[in-house]
Every structure is written in structure tokens, then in C-alpha cells.
Amino acid sequence: MIESADEFVRLRTSDDPAEFRRAAHEPAGVDTWLEVIDRFPEMRVWVAHNKTVPLAVLELLRHDADERVQRMVLEKRSWARAHPDDTSRK
């Protein structure tokens, strides 16, 4: 489990493929994701990319100013299951 915002950023920016994969597949608590979003706004798209990111965090990112973040949220199966009527899905 990813324990902190700093750990997530370190994993995501690592040259080690195993660490990079951890950033994409390991869960973190909602508070950790919110701290990443707050302290490292350039990482928002990678928060949305994580396979285990909670729906509550995706709902926050759904209307992000960055269209890449919005697209990443819309591509998530968990988003589609929870919001089948989201007409912005591509």
C-alpha cells in the first residue's frame, strides 16, 4: 500500500519499472490521494491512472481543469459503472 504523497511521487517518477508499476496498481488511502492532488498538482493525471483509486477521488477529478485528467477519469471502468449516464464518455 502507498503510505504517503511523497512515496507515490517517488514511485511514479522512478526509473525502476517495479516501482513505476506500484504507482499504477497499489492502493492508497483517500487522504493520501488528496494530499497528492493538493501538494503535487502535476500528478493528478497519474492519481486518476491508478487502478485502485477510490470513486470519491475520481469524482473530485472528473471536472478537473486539465482535460487529460478528465479523460483519464472517463476511461476508468469504475467510473463507467458508477456513472453510466455520464454523457461526456467517449
PDB file of N, CA and C in Angstrom:
ATOM      1  N   MET A   1       0.845  -1.186   0.000  1.00  0.00           N
ATOM      2  CA  MET A   1       0.000   0.000   0.000  1.00  0.00           C
ATOM      3  C   MET A   1       0.886   1.243   0.000  1.00  0.00           C
ATOM      4  N   ILE A   2       0.472   2.232  -0.768  1.00  0.00           N
ATOM      5  CA  ILE A   2       1.184   3.504  -0.814  1.00  0.00           C
ATOM      6  C   ILE A   2       0.783   4.292   0.425  1.00  0.00           C
ATOM      7  N   GLU A   3       1.763   4.696   1.208  1.00  0.00           N
ATOM      8  CA  GLU A   3       1.509   5.289   2.519  1.00  0.00           C
ATOM      9  C   GLU A   3       1.527   6.811   2.552  1.00  0.00           C
ATOM     10  N   SER A   4       2.077   7.454   1.517  1.00  0.00           N
ATOM     11  CA  SER A   4       2.176   8.919   1.567  1.00  0.00           C
ATOM     12  C   SER A   4       2.227   9.504   0.161  1.00  0.00           C
ATOM     13  N   ALA A   5       1.948  10.797   0.094  1.00  0.00           N
ATOM     14  CA  ALA A   5       2.048  11.514  -1.182  1.00  0.00           C
ATOM     15  C   ALA A   5       3.486  11.464  -1.707  1.00  0.00           C
ATOM     16  N   ASP A   6       4.433  11.640  -0.807  1.00  0.00           N
ATOM     17  CA  ASP A   6       5.840  11.609  -1.228  1.00  0.00           C
ATOM     18  C   ASP A   6       6.215  10.245  -1.802  1.00  0.00           C
ATOM     19  N   GLU A   7       5.717   9.185  -1.182  1.00  0.00           N
ATOM     20  CA  GLU A   7       6.007   7.845  -1.695  1.00  0.00           C
ATOM     21  C   GLU A   7       5.415   7.670  -3.091  1.00  0.00           C
ATOM     22  N   PHE A   8       4.174   8.109  -3.301  1.00  0.00           N
ATOM     23  CA  PHE A   8       3.551   7.990  -4.620  1.00  0.00           C
ATOM     24  C   PHE A   8       4.374   8.714  -5.681  1.00  0.00           C
ATOM     25  N   VAL A   9       4.791   9.928  -5.398  1.00  0.00           N
ATOM     26  CA  VAL A   9       5.574  10.707  -6.366  1.00  0.00           C
ATOM     27  C   VAL A   9       6.910  10.015  -6.640  1.00  0.00           C
ATOM     28  N   ARG A  10       7.543   9.512  -5.588  1.00  0.00           N
ATOM     29  CA  ARG A  10       8.819   8.804  -5.767  1.00  0.00           C
ATOM     30  C   ARG A  10       8.619   7.579  -6.658  1.00  0.00           C
ATOM     31  N   LEU A  11       7.570   6.809  -6.404  1.00  0.00           N
ATOM     32  CA  LEU A  11       7.297   5.625  -7.219  1.00  0.00           C
ATOM     33  C   LEU A  11       6.991   6.006  -8.664  1.00  0.00           C
ATOM     34  N   ARG A  12       6.157   7.004  -8.841  1.00  0.00           N
ATOM     35  CA  ARG A  12       5.722   7.412 -10.188  1.00  0.00           C
ATOM     36  C   ARG A  12       6.866   7.969 -11.027  1.00  0.00           C
ATOM     37  N   THR A  13       7.831   8.586 -10.392  1.00  0.00           N
ATOM     38  CA  THR A  13       8.938   9.196 -11.134  1.00  0.00           C
ATOM     39  C   THR A  13      10.178   8.318 -11.151  1.00  0.00           C
ATOM     40  N   SER A  14      10.071   7.122 -10.616  1.00  0.00           N
ATOM     41  CA  SER A  14      11.207   6.203 -10.547  1.00  0.00           C
ATOM     42  C   SER A  14      11.554   5.645 -11.926  1.00  0.00           C
ATOM     43  N   ASP A  15      12.817   5.330 -12.103  1.00  0.00           N
ATOM     44  CA  ASP A  15      13.275   4.648 -13.321  1.00  0.00           C
ATOM     45  C   ASP A  15      13.131   3.136 -13.192  1.00  0.00           C
ATOM     46  N   ASP A  16      12.825   2.676 -11.992  1.00  0.00           N
ATOM     47  CA  ASP A  16      12.674   1.245 -11.730  1.00  0.00           C
ATOM     48  C   ASP A  16      11.268   0.813 -12.149  1.00  0.00           C
ATOM     49  N   PRO A  17      11.160  -0.076 -13.138  1.00  0.00           N
ATOM     50  CA  PRO A  17       9.840  -0.489 -13.619  1.00  0.00           C
ATOM     51  C   PRO A  17       8.939  -1.069 -12.511  1.00  0.00           C
ATOM     52  N   ALA A  18       9.507  -1.749 -11.549  1.00  0.00           N
ATOM     53  CA  ALA A  18       8.702  -2.318 -10.459  1.00  0.00           C
ATOM     54  C   ALA A  18       8.081  -1.207  -9.616  1.00  0.00           C
ATOM     55  N   GLU A  19       8.822  -0.162  -9.345  1.00  0.00           N
ATOM     56  CA  GLU A  19       8.282   0.954  -8.577  1.00  0.00           C
ATOM     57  C   GLU A  19       7.235   1.716  -9.378  1.00  0.00           C
ATOM     58  N   PHE A  20       7.516   1.895 -10.661  1.00  0.00           N
ATOM     59  CA  PHE A  20       6.569   2.571 -11.556  1.00  0.00           C
ATOM     60  C   PHE A  20       5.233   1.816 -11.564  1.00  0.00           C
ATOM     61  N   ARG A  21       5.294   0.473 -11.624  1.00  0.00           N
ATOM     62  CA  ARG A  21       4.083  -0.357 -11.603  1.00  0.00           C
ATOM     63  C   ARG A  21       3.337  -0.211 -10.283  1.00  0.00           C
ATOM     64  N   ARG A  22       4.068  -0.129  -9.187  1.00  0.00           N
ATOM     65  CA  ARG A  22       3.419   0.062  -7.885  1.00  0.00           C
ATOM     66  C   ARG A  22       2.573   1.329  -7.892  1.00  0.00           C
ATOM     67  N   ALA A  23       3.096   2.397  -8.490  1.00  0.00           N
ATOM     68  CA  ALA A  23       2.352   3.663  -8.543  1.00  0.00           C
ATOM     69  C   ALA A  23       1.057   3.512  -9.324  1.00  0.00           C
ATOM     70  N   ALA A  24       1.027   2.600 -10.267  1.00  0.00           N
ATOM     71  CA  ALA A  24      -0.157   2.408 -11.101  1.00  0.00           C
ATOM     72  C   ALA A  24      -1.149   1.396 -10.527  1.00  0.00           C
ATOM     73  N   HIS A  25      -0.680   0.510  -9.638  1.00  0.00           N
ATOM     74  CA  HIS A  25      -1.532  -0.605  -9.218  1.00  0.00           C
ATOM     75  C   HIS A  25      -1.805  -0.698  -7.729  1.00  0.00           C
ATOM     76  N   GLU A  26      -1.014  -0.062  -6.890  1.00  0.00           N
ATOM     77  CA  GLU A  26      -1.219  -0.211  -5.448  1.00  0.00           C
ATOM     78  C   GLU A  26      -2.207   0.821  -4.910  1.00  0.00           C
ATOM     79  N   PRO A  27      -2.986   0.411  -3.934  1.00  0.00           N
ATOM     80  CA  PRO A  27      -3.934   1.346  -3.329  1.00  0.00           C
ATOM     81  C   PRO A  27      -3.256   2.317  -2.368  1.00  0.00           C
ATOM     82  N   ALA A  28      -3.983   3.362  -2.070  1.00  0.00           N
ATOM     83  CA  ALA A  28      -3.598   4.337  -1.047  1.00  0.00           C
ATOM     84  C   ALA A  28      -4.897   4.815  -0.413  1.00  0.00           C
ATOM     85  N   GLY A  29      -4.800   5.375   0.753  1.00  0.00           N
ATOM     86  CA  GLY A  29      -5.982   5.920   1.406  1.00  0.00           C
ATOM     87  C   GLY A  29      -6.448   7.198   0.726  1.00  0.00           C
ATOM     88  N   VAL A  30      -7.699   7.518   0.904  1.00  0.00           N
ATOM     89  CA  VAL A  30      -8.264   8.740   0.318  1.00  0.00           C
ATOM     90  C   VAL A  30      -7.441   9.952   0.742  1.00  0.00           C
ATOM     91  N   ASP A  31      -7.058  10.015   2.003  1.00  0.00           N
ATOM     92  CA  ASP A  31      -6.264  11.155   2.476  1.00  0.00           C
ATOM     93  C   ASP A  31      -4.940  11.271   1.733  1.00  0.00           C
ATOM     94  N   THR A  32      -4.337  10.139   1.411  1.00  0.00           N
ATOM     95  CA  THR A  32      -3.073  10.165   0.658  1.00  0.00           C
ATOM     96  C   THR A  32      -3.306  10.710  -0.738  1.00  0.00           C
ATOM     97  N   TRP A  33      -4.364  10.224  -1.410  1.00  0.00           N
ATOM     98  CA  TRP A  33      -4.654  10.735  -2.756  1.00  0.00           C
ATOM     99  C   TRP A  33      -4.946  12.231  -2.725  1.00  0.00           C
ATOM    100  N   LEU A  34      -5.690  12.674  -1.738  1.00  0.00           N
ATOM    101  CA  LEU A  34      -5.999  14.102  -1.645  1.00  0.00           C
ATOM    102  C   LEU A  34      -4.740  14.924  -1.397  1.00  0.00           C
ATOM    103  N   GLU A  35      -3.821  14.379  -0.633  1.00  0.00           N
ATOM    104  CA  GLU A  35      -2.552  15.082  -0.403  1.00  0.00           C
ATOM    105  C   GLU A  35      -1.727  15.162  -1.687  1.00  0.00           C
ATOM    106  N   VAL A  36      -1.722  14.090  -2.469  1.00  0.00           N
ATOM    107  CA  VAL A  36      -1.012  14.132  -3.761  1.00  0.00           C
ATOM    108  C   VAL A  36      -1.609  15.234  -4.630  1.00  0.00           C
ATOM    109  N   ILE A  37      -2.927  15.259  -4.746  1.00  0.00           N
ATOM    110  CA  ILE A  37      -3.614  16.260  -5.573  1.00  0.00           C
ATOM    111  C   ILE A  37      -3.289  17.668  -5.100  1.00  0.00           C
ATOM    112  N   ASP A  38      -3.266  17.858  -3.801  1.00  0.00           N
ATOM    113  CA  ASP A  38      -3.015  19.182  -3.237  1.00  0.00           C
ATOM    114  C   ASP A  38      -1.557  19.610  -3.378  1.00  0.00           C
ATOM    115  N   ARG A  39      -0.649  18.739  -3.028  1.00  0.00           N
ATOM    116  CA  ARG A  39       0.777  19.108  -2.993  1.00  0.00           C
ATOM    117  C   ARG A  39       1.478  18.951  -4.333  1.00  0.00           C
ATOM    118  N   PHE A  40       0.984  18.041  -5.168  1.00  0.00           N
ATOM    119  CA  PHE A  40       1.648  17.745  -6.441  1.00  0.00           C
ATOM    120  C   PHE A  40       0.620  17.770  -7.576  1.00  0.00           C
ATOM    121  N   PRO A  41       0.101  18.943  -7.919  1.00  0.00           N
ATOM    122  CA  PRO A  41      -0.969  19.002  -8.925  1.00  0.00           C
ATOM    123  C   PRO A  41      -0.573  18.406 -10.281  1.00  0.00           C
ATOM    124  N   GLU A  42       0.698  18.395 -10.578  1.00  0.00           N
ATOM    125  CA  GLU A  42       1.153  17.807 -11.845  1.00  0.00           C
ATOM    126  C   GLU A  42       0.972  16.285 -11.862  1.00  0.00           C
ATOM    127  N   MET A  43       0.667  15.690 -10.721  1.00  0.00           N
ATOM    128  CA  MET A  43       0.483  14.239 -10.610  1.00  0.00           C
ATOM    129  C   MET A  43      -0.985  13.824 -10.675  1.00  0.00           C
ATOM    130  N   ARG A  44      -1.893  14.775 -10.857  1.00  0.00           N
ATOM    131  CA  ARG A  44      -3.326  14.447 -10.848  1.00  0.00           C
ATOM    132  C   ARG A  44      -3.681  13.393 -11.893  1.00  0.00           C
ATOM    133  N   VAL A  45      -3.116  13.507 -13.079  1.00  0.00           N
ATOM    134  CA  VAL A  45      -3.424  12.525 -14.122  1.00  0.00           C
ATOM    135  C   VAL A  45      -2.966  11.133 -13.697  1.00  0.00           C
ATOM    136  N   TRP A  46      -1.873  11.055 -12.946  1.00  0.00           N
ATOM    137  CA  TRP A  46      -1.357   9.755 -12.511  1.00  0.00           C
ATOM    138  C   TRP A  46      -2.152   9.214 -11.331  1.00  0.00           C
ATOM    139  N   VAL A  47      -2.733  10.084 -10.534  1.00  0.00           N
ATOM    140  CA  VAL A  47      -3.666   9.632  -9.495  1.00  0.00           C
ATOM    141  C   VAL A  47      -4.861   8.977 -10.188  1.00  0.00           C
ATOM    142  N   ALA A  48      -5.420   9.639 -11.182  1.00  0.00           N
ATOM    143  CA  ALA A  48      -6.562   9.094 -11.924  1.00  0.00           C
ATOM    144  C   ALA A  48      -6.197   7.796 -12.637  1.00  0.00           C
ATOM    145  N   HIS A  49      -4.944   7.652 -13.029  1.00  0.00           N
ATOM    146  CA  HIS A  49      -4.479   6.468 -13.740  1.00  0.00           C
ATOM    147  C   HIS A  49      -4.395   5.238 -12.835  1.00  0.00           C
ATOM    148  N   ASN A  50      -4.177   5.438 -11.552  1.00  0.00           N
ATOM    149  CA  ASN A  50      -4.023   4.321 -10.627  1.00  0.00           C
ATOM    150  C   ASN A  50      -5.241   3.402 -10.699  1.00  0.00           C
ATOM    151  N   LYS A  51      -5.006   2.112 -10.765  1.00  0.00           N
ATOM    152  CA  LYS A  51      -6.078   1.120 -10.948  1.00  0.00           C
ATOM    153  C   LYS A  51      -7.001   0.994  -9.741  1.00  0.00           C
ATOM    154  N   THR A  52      -6.563   1.473  -8.576  1.00  0.00           N
ATOM    155  CA  THR A  52      -7.338   1.274  -7.362  1.00  0.00           C
ATOM    156  C   THR A  52      -7.874   2.568  -6.770  1.00  0.00           C
ATOM    157  N   VAL A  53      -7.698   3.672  -7.454  1.00  0.00           N
ATOM    158  CA  VAL A  53      -8.100   4.962  -6.885  1.00  0.00           C
ATOM    159  C   VAL A  53      -9.604   4.943  -6.570  1.00  0.00           C
ATOM    160  N   PRO A  54      -9.986   5.378  -5.381  1.00  0.00           N
ATOM    161  CA  PRO A  54     -11.392   5.329  -4.983  1.00  0.00           C
ATOM    162  C   PRO A  54     -12.285   6.256  -5.813  1.00  0.00           C
ATOM    163  N   LEU A  55     -13.529   5.866  -5.931  1.00  0.00           N
ATOM    164  CA  LEU A  55     -14.509   6.643  -6.687  1.00  0.00           C
ATOM    165  C   LEU A  55     -14.614   8.072  -6.156  1.00  0.00           C
ATOM    166  N   ALA A  56     -14.513   8.253  -4.860  1.00  0.00           N
ATOM    167  CA  ALA A  56     -14.597   9.606  -4.282  1.00  0.00           C
ATOM    168  C   ALA A  56     -13.510  10.516  -4.843  1.00  0.00           C
ATOM    169  N   VAL A  57     -12.350   9.969  -5.088  1.00  0.00           N
ATOM    170  CA  VAL A  57     -11.253  10.765  -5.657  1.00  0.00           C
ATOM    171  C   VAL A  57     -11.517  11.016  -7.137  1.00  0.00           C
ATOM    172  N   LEU A  58     -12.009  10.011  -7.841  1.00  0.00           N
ATOM    173  CA  LEU A  58     -12.346  10.206  -9.253  1.00  0.00           C
ATOM    174  C   LEU A  58     -13.427  11.278  -9.410  1.00  0.00           C
ATOM    175  N   GLU A  59     -14.386  11.293  -8.501  1.00  0.00           N
ATOM    176  CA  GLU A  59     -15.441  12.306  -8.572  1.00  0.00           C
ATOM    177  C   GLU A  59     -14.869  13.707  -8.408  1.00  0.00           C
ATOM    178  N   LEU A  60     -13.858  13.841  -7.585  1.00  0.00           N
ATOM    179  CA  LEU A  60     -13.181  15.127  -7.436  1.00  0.00           C
ATOM    180  C   LEU A  60     -12.436  15.505  -8.722  1.00  0.00           C
ATOM    181  N   LEU A  61     -11.822  14.517  -9.348  1.00  0.00           N
ATOM    182  CA  LEU A  61     -11.013  14.786 -10.545  1.00  0.00           C
ATOM    183  C   LEU A  61     -11.835  14.879 -11.831  1.00  0.00           C
ATOM    184  N   ARG A  62     -13.074  14.435 -11.788  1.00  0.00           N
ATOM    185  CA  ARG A  62     -13.906  14.395 -13.004  1.00  0.00           C
ATOM    186  C   ARG A  62     -14.019  15.754 -13.688  1.00  0.00           C
ATOM    187  N   HIS A  63     -14.049  16.822 -12.923  1.00  0.00           N
ATOM    188  CA  HIS A  63     -14.198  18.158 -13.507  1.00  0.00           C
ATOM    189  C   HIS A  63     -12.925  18.972 -13.344  1.00  0.00           C
ATOM    190  N   ASP A  64     -11.799  18.289 -13.335  1.00  0.00           N
ATOM    191  CA  ASP A  64     -10.501  18.953 -13.222  1.00  0.00           C
ATOM    192  C   ASP A  64     -10.301  19.898 -14.399  1.00  0.00           C
ATOM    193  N   ALA A  65      -9.524  20.931 -14.182  1.00  0.00           N
ATOM    194  CA  ALA A  65      -9.244  21.907 -15.248  1.00  0.00           C
ATOM    195  C   ALA A  65      -8.424  21.282 -16.381  1.00  0.00           C
ATOM    196  N   ASP A  66      -7.679  20.246 -16.079  1.00  0.00           N
ATOM    197  CA  ASP A  66      -6.825  19.584 -17.077  1.00  0.00           C
ATOM    198  C   ASP A  66      -7.646  18.518 -17.807  1.00  0.00           C
ATOM    199  N   GLU A  67      -7.803  18.682 -19.100  1.00  0.00           N
ATOM    200  CA  GLU A  67      -8.598  17.738 -19.887  1.00  0.00           C
ATOM    201  C   GLU A  67      -8.019  16.333 -19.878  1.00  0.00           C
ATOM    202  N   ARG A  68      -6.702  16.207 -19.717  1.00  0.00           N
ATOM    203  CA  ARG A  68      -6.083  14.872 -19.645  1.00  0.00           C
ATOM    204  C   ARG A  68      -6.585  14.124 -18.413  1.00  0.00           C
ATOM    205  N   VAL A  69      -6.731  14.846 -17.318  1.00  0.00           N
ATOM    206  CA  VAL A  69      -7.235  14.243 -16.084  1.00  0.00           C
ATOM    207  C   VAL A  69      -8.687  13.811 -16.284  1.00  0.00           C
ATOM    208  N   GLN A  70      -9.499  14.679 -16.874  1.00  0.00           N
ATOM    209  CA  GLN A  70     -10.898  14.347 -17.144  1.00  0.00           C
ATOM    210  C   GLN A  70     -11.009  13.095 -18.014  1.00  0.00           C
ATOM    211  N   ARG A  71     -10.205  13.034 -19.064  1.00  0.00           N
ATOM    212  CA  ARG A  71     -10.221  11.869 -19.966  1.00  0.00           C
ATOM    213  C   ARG A  71      -9.842  10.595 -19.234  1.00  0.00           C
ATOM    214  N   MET A  72      -8.830  10.688 -18.371  1.00  0.00           N
ATOM    215  CA  MET A  72      -8.397   9.513 -17.630  1.00  0.00           C
ATOM    216  C   MET A  72      -9.530   9.014 -16.726  1.00  0.00           C
ATOM    217  N   VAL A  73     -10.238   9.928 -16.081  1.00  0.00           N
ATOM    218  CA  VAL A  73     -11.371   9.530 -15.238  1.00  0.00           C
ATOM    219  C   VAL A  73     -12.434   8.836 -16.086  1.00  0.00           C
ATOM    220  N   LEU A  74     -12.757   9.408 -17.231  1.00  0.00           N
ATOM    221  CA  LEU A  74     -13.792   8.844 -18.097  1.00  0.00           C
ATOM    222  C   LEU A  74     -13.421   7.467 -18.633  1.00  0.00           C
ATOM    223  N   GLU A  75     -12.149   7.166 -18.716  1.00  0.00           N
ATOM    224  CA  GLU A  75     -11.698   5.869 -19.223  1.00  0.00           C
ATOM    225  C   GLU A  75     -11.770   4.764 -18.172  1.00  0.00           C
ATOM    226  N   LYS A  76     -11.970   5.130 -16.927  1.00  0.00           N
ATOM    227  CA  LYS A  76     -11.975   4.144 -15.848  1.00  0.00           C
ATOM    228  C   LYS A  76     -13.274   3.339 -15.862  1.00  0.00           C
ATOM    229  N   ARG A  77     -13.156   2.019 -15.779  1.00  0.00           N
ATOM    230  CA  ARG A  77     -14.342   1.170 -15.718  1.00  0.00           C
ATOM    231  C   ARG A  77     -15.160   1.449 -14.467  1.00  0.00           C
ATOM    232  N   SER A  78     -14.458   1.737 -13.374  1.00  0.00           N
ATOM    233  CA  SER A  78     -15.179   2.020 -12.130  1.00  0.00           C
ATOM    234  C   SER A  78     -16.046   3.272 -12.276  1.00  0.00           C
ATOM    235  N   TRP A  79     -15.566   4.240 -13.060  1.00  0.00           N
ATOM    236  CA  TRP A  79     -16.355   5.449 -13.301  1.00  0.00           C
ATOM    237  C   TRP A  79     -17.590   5.108 -14.143  1.00  0.00           C
ATOM    238  N   ALA A  80     -17.380   4.331 -15.190  1.00  0.00           N
ATOM    239  CA  ALA A  80     -18.488   3.969 -16.077  1.00  0.00           C
ATOM    240  C   ALA A  80     -19.565   3.181 -15.334  1.00  0.00           C
ATOM    241  N   ARG A  81     -19.151   2.287 -14.431  1.00  0.00           N
ATOM    242  CA  ARG A  81     -20.124   1.520 -13.657  1.00  0.00           C
ATOM    243  C   ARG A  81     -20.909   2.427 -12.702  1.00  0.00           C
ATOM    244  N   ALA A  82     -20.226   3.366 -12.093  1.00  0.00           N
ATOM    245  CA  ALA A  82     -20.875   4.236 -11.113  1.00  0.00           C
ATOM    246  C   ALA A  82     -21.675   5.370 -11.759  1.00  0.00           C
ATOM    247  N   HIS A  83     -21.284   5.765 -12.965  1.00  0.00           N
ATOM    248  CA  HIS A  83     -21.917   6.904 -13.640  1.00  0.00           C
ATOM    249  C   HIS A  83     -22.234   6.548 -15.107  1.00  0.00           C
ATOM    250  N   PRO A  84     -23.109   5.578 -15.301  1.00  0.00           N
ATOM    251  CA  PRO A  84     -23.396   5.149 -16.692  1.00  0.00           C
ATOM    252  C   PRO A  84     -24.026   6.232 -17.537  1.00  0.00           C
ATOM    253  N   ASP A  85     -24.608   7.239 -16.917  1.00  0.00           N
ATOM    254  CA  ASP A  85     -25.264   8.301 -17.673  1.00  0.00           C
ATOM    255  C   ASP A  85     -24.372   9.516 -17.911  1.00  0.00           C
ATOM    256  N   ASP A  86     -23.100   9.377 -17.591  1.00  0.00           N
ATOM    257  CA  ASP A  86     -22.183  10.498 -17.833  1.00  0.00           C
ATOM    258  C   ASP A  86     -22.045  10.653 -19.347  1.00  0.00           C
ATOM    259  N   THR A  87     -22.753  11.631 -19.888  1.00  0.00           N
ATOM    260  CA  THR A  87     -22.826  11.799 -21.336  1.00  0.00           C
ATOM    261  C   THR A  87     -21.514  12.266 -21.960  1.00  0.00           C
ATOM    262  N   SER A  88     -20.558  12.606 -21.146  1.00  0.00           N
ATOM    263  CA  SER A  88     -19.272  13.039 -21.682  1.00  0.00           C
ATOM    264  C   SER A  88     -18.370  11.872 -22.034  1.00  0.00           C
ATOM    265  N   ARG A  89     -18.795  10.643 -21.710  1.00  0.00           N
ATOM    266  CA  ARG A  89     -17.956   9.480 -22.048  1.00  0.00           C
ATOM    267  C   ARG A  89     -17.773   9.392 -23.553  1.00  0.00           C
ATOM    268  N   LYS A  90     -16.582   9.066 -23.909  1.00  0.00           N
ATOM    269  CA  LYS A  90     -16.243   8.985 -25.335  1.00  0.00           C
ATOM    270  C   LYS A  90     -16.361   7.571 -25.818  1.00  0.00           C
TER     271      LYS A  90
END
